[in-house]
């Protein structure tokens, strides 16, 4: 499994996700992208027991003081093309 960070924000059309590397701070990415985060945390991306790509959102962002959201795993799957739009 690979771990990365993410931020969920409202694009005006739907909730979207920015996925970025662990060396960056959530707050710095949000500020640089000009978004107001709704939730933030970490993603585990890997291969499941059926040899399919899986993703799971979890945790929290200390720099933004936000937790991962209830629907963040579904948003990540959609953004990564792993689920229907």
N, C-alpha and C. Protein backbone atom coordinates (compact mmCIF):
# COMPACT_ATOMS: atom_id res chain seq x y z
N UNK A 1 0.84 -1.19 0.00
CA UNK A 1 0.00 0.00 0.00
C UNK A 1 0.87 1.24 0.00
N UNK A 2 0.44 2.22 -0.75
CA UNK A 2 1.09 3.52 -0.78
C UNK A 2 0.23 4.51 -0.01
N UNK A 3 0.86 5.36 0.77
CA UNK A 3 0.13 6.38 1.51
C UNK A 3 0.42 7.75 0.92
N UNK A 4 -0.63 8.54 0.79
CA UNK A 4 -0.52 9.90 0.31
C UNK A 4 -1.51 10.77 1.07
N UNK A 5 -1.46 12.06 0.86
CA UNK A 5 -2.36 12.99 1.55
C UNK A 5 -3.41 13.52 0.58
N UNK A 6 -4.49 14.07 1.15
CA UNK A 6 -5.55 14.65 0.31
C UNK A 6 -6.29 15.76 1.04
N UNK A 7 -6.97 16.57 0.24
CA UNK A 7 -7.89 17.61 0.71
C UNK A 7 -9.15 17.50 -0.13
N UNK A 8 -10.31 17.57 0.50
CA UNK A 8 -11.59 17.63 -0.20
C UNK A 8 -12.10 19.06 -0.11
N UNK A 9 -12.60 19.58 -1.24
CA UNK A 9 -13.16 20.94 -1.28
C UNK A 9 -14.37 20.94 -2.21
N UNK A 10 -15.18 21.97 -2.12
CA UNK A 10 -16.36 22.13 -2.97
C UNK A 10 -15.96 22.93 -4.20
N UNK A 11 -16.05 22.33 -5.38
CA UNK A 11 -15.66 22.99 -6.63
C UNK A 11 -16.75 23.89 -7.18
N UNK A 12 -17.93 23.84 -6.58
CA UNK A 12 -19.07 24.56 -7.11
C UNK A 12 -19.98 23.64 -7.91
N UNK A 13 -19.42 22.54 -8.41
CA UNK A 13 -20.19 21.52 -9.12
C UNK A 13 -20.37 20.27 -8.26
N UNK A 14 -19.32 19.93 -7.54
CA UNK A 14 -19.35 18.75 -6.66
C UNK A 14 -18.15 18.83 -5.72
N UNK A 15 -18.08 17.90 -4.80
CA UNK A 15 -16.90 17.82 -3.95
C UNK A 15 -15.77 17.17 -4.73
N UNK A 16 -14.62 17.81 -4.75
CA UNK A 16 -13.44 17.34 -5.47
C UNK A 16 -12.32 17.08 -4.49
N UNK A 17 -11.29 16.39 -4.96
CA UNK A 17 -10.18 16.02 -4.10
C UNK A 17 -8.86 16.39 -4.76
N UNK A 18 -7.97 16.97 -3.97
CA UNK A 18 -6.59 17.20 -4.37
C UNK A 18 -5.76 16.13 -3.65
N UNK A 19 -4.99 15.37 -4.41
CA UNK A 19 -4.13 14.33 -3.85
C UNK A 19 -2.68 14.77 -4.04
N UNK A 20 -1.88 14.65 -2.98
CA UNK A 20 -0.50 15.14 -3.05
C UNK A 20 0.39 14.33 -2.12
N UNK A 21 1.67 14.52 -2.26
CA UNK A 21 2.66 13.74 -1.53
C UNK A 21 2.77 14.07 -0.06
N UNK A 22 3.34 13.14 0.69
CA UNK A 22 3.46 13.26 2.14
C UNK A 22 4.43 14.34 2.61
N UNK A 23 5.28 14.83 1.74
CA UNK A 23 6.26 15.83 2.17
C UNK A 23 5.64 17.22 2.30
N UNK A 24 4.44 17.42 1.77
CA UNK A 24 3.77 18.71 1.84
C UNK A 24 2.77 18.75 2.99
N UNK A 25 2.54 19.94 3.52
CA UNK A 25 1.55 20.13 4.58
C UNK A 25 0.18 20.40 3.95
N UNK A 26 -0.87 19.85 4.55
CA UNK A 26 -2.23 20.08 4.05
C UNK A 26 -2.53 21.58 3.91
N UNK A 27 -2.21 22.35 4.94
CA UNK A 27 -2.53 23.79 4.94
C UNK A 27 -1.79 24.52 3.82
N UNK A 28 -0.54 24.16 3.56
CA UNK A 28 0.23 24.80 2.49
C UNK A 28 -0.38 24.52 1.12
N UNK A 29 -0.82 23.28 0.89
CA UNK A 29 -1.44 22.91 -0.39
C UNK A 29 -2.77 23.65 -0.56
N UNK A 30 -3.59 23.67 0.47
CA UNK A 30 -4.88 24.37 0.40
C UNK A 30 -4.68 25.85 0.06
N UNK A 31 -3.72 26.47 0.72
CA UNK A 31 -3.43 27.89 0.46
C UNK A 31 -2.92 28.09 -0.96
N UNK A 32 -2.00 27.24 -1.41
CA UNK A 32 -1.43 27.37 -2.76
C UNK A 32 -2.48 27.15 -3.85
N UNK A 33 -3.43 26.25 -3.60
CA UNK A 33 -4.47 25.95 -4.59
C UNK A 33 -5.66 26.90 -4.48
N UNK A 34 -5.71 27.69 -3.42
CA UNK A 34 -6.79 28.66 -3.25
C UNK A 34 -8.14 28.02 -2.95
N UNK A 35 -8.14 26.93 -2.20
CA UNK A 35 -9.39 26.24 -1.88
C UNK A 35 -9.65 26.31 -0.37
N UNK A 36 -10.93 26.18 -0.03
CA UNK A 36 -11.34 26.08 1.36
C UNK A 36 -11.67 24.61 1.63
N UNK A 37 -10.84 23.93 2.38
CA UNK A 37 -11.03 22.49 2.61
C UNK A 37 -12.28 22.18 3.44
N UNK A 38 -12.94 21.09 3.07
CA UNK A 38 -14.07 20.57 3.83
C UNK A 38 -13.62 19.44 4.74
N UNK A 39 -12.66 18.66 4.27
CA UNK A 39 -12.08 17.55 5.03
C UNK A 39 -10.68 17.29 4.49
N UNK A 40 -9.90 16.55 5.25
CA UNK A 40 -8.52 16.26 4.83
C UNK A 40 -8.00 15.07 5.63
N UNK A 41 -7.02 14.41 5.05
CA UNK A 41 -6.43 13.26 5.74
C UNK A 41 -5.45 12.54 4.85
N UNK A 42 -5.48 11.22 4.94
CA UNK A 42 -4.55 10.37 4.21
C UNK A 42 -5.31 9.36 3.38
N UNK A 43 -4.68 8.91 2.29
CA UNK A 43 -5.22 7.83 1.47
C UNK A 43 -4.25 6.67 1.46
N UNK A 44 -4.77 5.48 1.59
CA UNK A 44 -4.02 4.26 1.31
C UNK A 44 -4.49 3.76 -0.04
N UNK A 45 -3.56 3.59 -0.96
CA UNK A 45 -3.88 3.10 -2.30
C UNK A 45 -3.07 1.83 -2.52
N UNK A 46 -3.75 0.77 -2.91
CA UNK A 46 -3.05 -0.50 -3.09
C UNK A 46 -3.86 -1.49 -3.91
N UNK A 47 -3.44 -2.73 -3.87
CA UNK A 47 -4.10 -3.82 -4.58
C UNK A 47 -4.77 -4.72 -3.53
N UNK A 48 -6.06 -4.99 -3.72
CA UNK A 48 -6.79 -5.83 -2.75
C UNK A 48 -6.63 -7.31 -3.08
N UNK A 49 -7.34 -8.15 -2.31
CA UNK A 49 -7.23 -9.60 -2.47
C UNK A 49 -7.75 -10.10 -3.82
N UNK A 50 -8.54 -9.27 -4.53
CA UNK A 50 -9.04 -9.63 -5.86
C UNK A 50 -8.17 -9.05 -6.98
N UNK A 51 -6.98 -8.56 -6.62
CA UNK A 51 -6.06 -7.94 -7.57
C UNK A 51 -6.63 -6.69 -8.23
N UNK A 52 -7.48 -5.98 -7.50
CA UNK A 52 -8.04 -4.72 -7.98
C UNK A 52 -7.49 -3.58 -7.15
N UNK A 53 -7.40 -2.40 -7.76
CA UNK A 53 -6.93 -1.23 -7.04
C UNK A 53 -7.95 -0.85 -5.98
N UNK A 54 -7.48 -0.60 -4.77
CA UNK A 54 -8.36 -0.18 -3.68
C UNK A 54 -7.83 1.12 -3.09
N UNK A 55 -8.74 1.87 -2.50
CA UNK A 55 -8.38 3.13 -1.87
C UNK A 55 -9.18 3.26 -0.58
N UNK A 56 -8.55 3.86 0.44
CA UNK A 56 -9.22 4.10 1.71
C UNK A 56 -8.75 5.42 2.30
N UNK A 57 -9.70 6.28 2.63
CA UNK A 57 -9.40 7.56 3.27
C UNK A 57 -9.50 7.39 4.79
N UNK A 58 -8.60 8.05 5.51
CA UNK A 58 -8.60 7.94 6.96
C UNK A 58 -7.81 9.10 7.58
N UNK A 59 -7.88 9.21 8.88
CA UNK A 59 -7.03 10.13 9.62
C UNK A 59 -7.51 11.56 9.62
N UNK A 60 -6.55 12.45 9.82
CA UNK A 60 -6.86 13.86 9.95
C UNK A 60 -5.67 14.71 9.51
N UNK A 61 -5.95 15.99 9.29
CA UNK A 61 -4.91 16.97 9.02
C UNK A 61 -4.73 17.82 10.26
N UNK A 62 -3.55 17.76 10.83
CA UNK A 62 -3.26 18.58 12.00
C UNK A 62 -3.14 20.04 11.61
N UNK A 63 -2.51 20.32 10.46
CA UNK A 63 -2.29 21.71 10.05
C UNK A 63 -3.60 22.43 9.71
N UNK A 64 -4.63 21.68 9.25
CA UNK A 64 -5.94 22.27 8.95
C UNK A 64 -6.96 22.06 10.07
N UNK A 65 -6.61 21.20 11.02
CA UNK A 65 -7.54 20.84 12.10
C UNK A 65 -8.85 20.28 11.54
N UNK A 66 -8.71 19.37 10.54
CA UNK A 66 -9.85 18.72 9.90
C UNK A 66 -9.64 17.22 9.90
N UNK A 67 -10.73 16.48 10.03
CA UNK A 67 -10.68 15.02 9.96
C UNK A 67 -11.11 14.56 8.57
N UNK A 68 -10.82 13.31 8.27
CA UNK A 68 -11.32 12.72 7.02
C UNK A 68 -12.84 12.64 7.13
N UNK A 69 -13.50 12.79 5.99
CA UNK A 69 -14.95 12.79 5.95
C UNK A 69 -15.53 11.43 5.67
N UNK A 70 -16.80 11.29 6.00
CA UNK A 70 -17.53 10.03 5.83
C UNK A 70 -17.50 9.52 4.39
N UNK A 71 -17.54 10.44 3.42
CA UNK A 71 -17.62 10.07 2.00
C UNK A 71 -16.29 10.21 1.26
N UNK A 72 -15.21 10.47 1.97
CA UNK A 72 -13.93 10.73 1.31
C UNK A 72 -13.40 9.53 0.53
N UNK A 73 -13.61 8.33 1.02
CA UNK A 73 -13.17 7.15 0.27
C UNK A 73 -13.90 7.07 -1.06
N UNK A 74 -15.20 7.34 -1.08
CA UNK A 74 -15.99 7.33 -2.33
C UNK A 74 -15.53 8.42 -3.28
N UNK A 75 -15.22 9.60 -2.75
CA UNK A 75 -14.73 10.69 -3.58
C UNK A 75 -13.39 10.31 -4.20
N UNK A 76 -12.50 9.72 -3.40
CA UNK A 76 -11.19 9.30 -3.92
C UNK A 76 -11.36 8.27 -5.03
N UNK A 77 -12.25 7.30 -4.84
CA UNK A 77 -12.48 6.28 -5.86
C UNK A 77 -12.97 6.91 -7.16
N UNK A 78 -13.85 7.90 -7.06
CA UNK A 78 -14.36 8.59 -8.25
C UNK A 78 -13.26 9.38 -8.93
N UNK A 79 -12.49 10.13 -8.16
CA UNK A 79 -11.41 10.96 -8.72
C UNK A 79 -10.34 10.10 -9.40
N UNK A 80 -10.07 8.94 -8.82
CA UNK A 80 -9.04 8.05 -9.37
C UNK A 80 -9.58 7.13 -10.48
N UNK A 81 -10.86 7.26 -10.80
CA UNK A 81 -11.45 6.44 -11.87
C UNK A 81 -11.75 5.02 -11.46
N UNK A 82 -11.92 4.79 -10.16
CA UNK A 82 -12.18 3.45 -9.65
C UNK A 82 -13.66 3.21 -9.40
N UNK A 83 -14.48 4.25 -9.58
CA UNK A 83 -15.92 4.13 -9.32
C UNK A 83 -16.67 4.95 -10.37
N UNK A 84 -17.95 4.64 -10.57
CA UNK A 84 -18.75 5.43 -11.51
C UNK A 84 -18.83 6.89 -11.08
N UNK A 85 -18.95 7.76 -12.04
CA UNK A 85 -19.03 9.20 -11.75
C UNK A 85 -20.38 9.55 -11.18
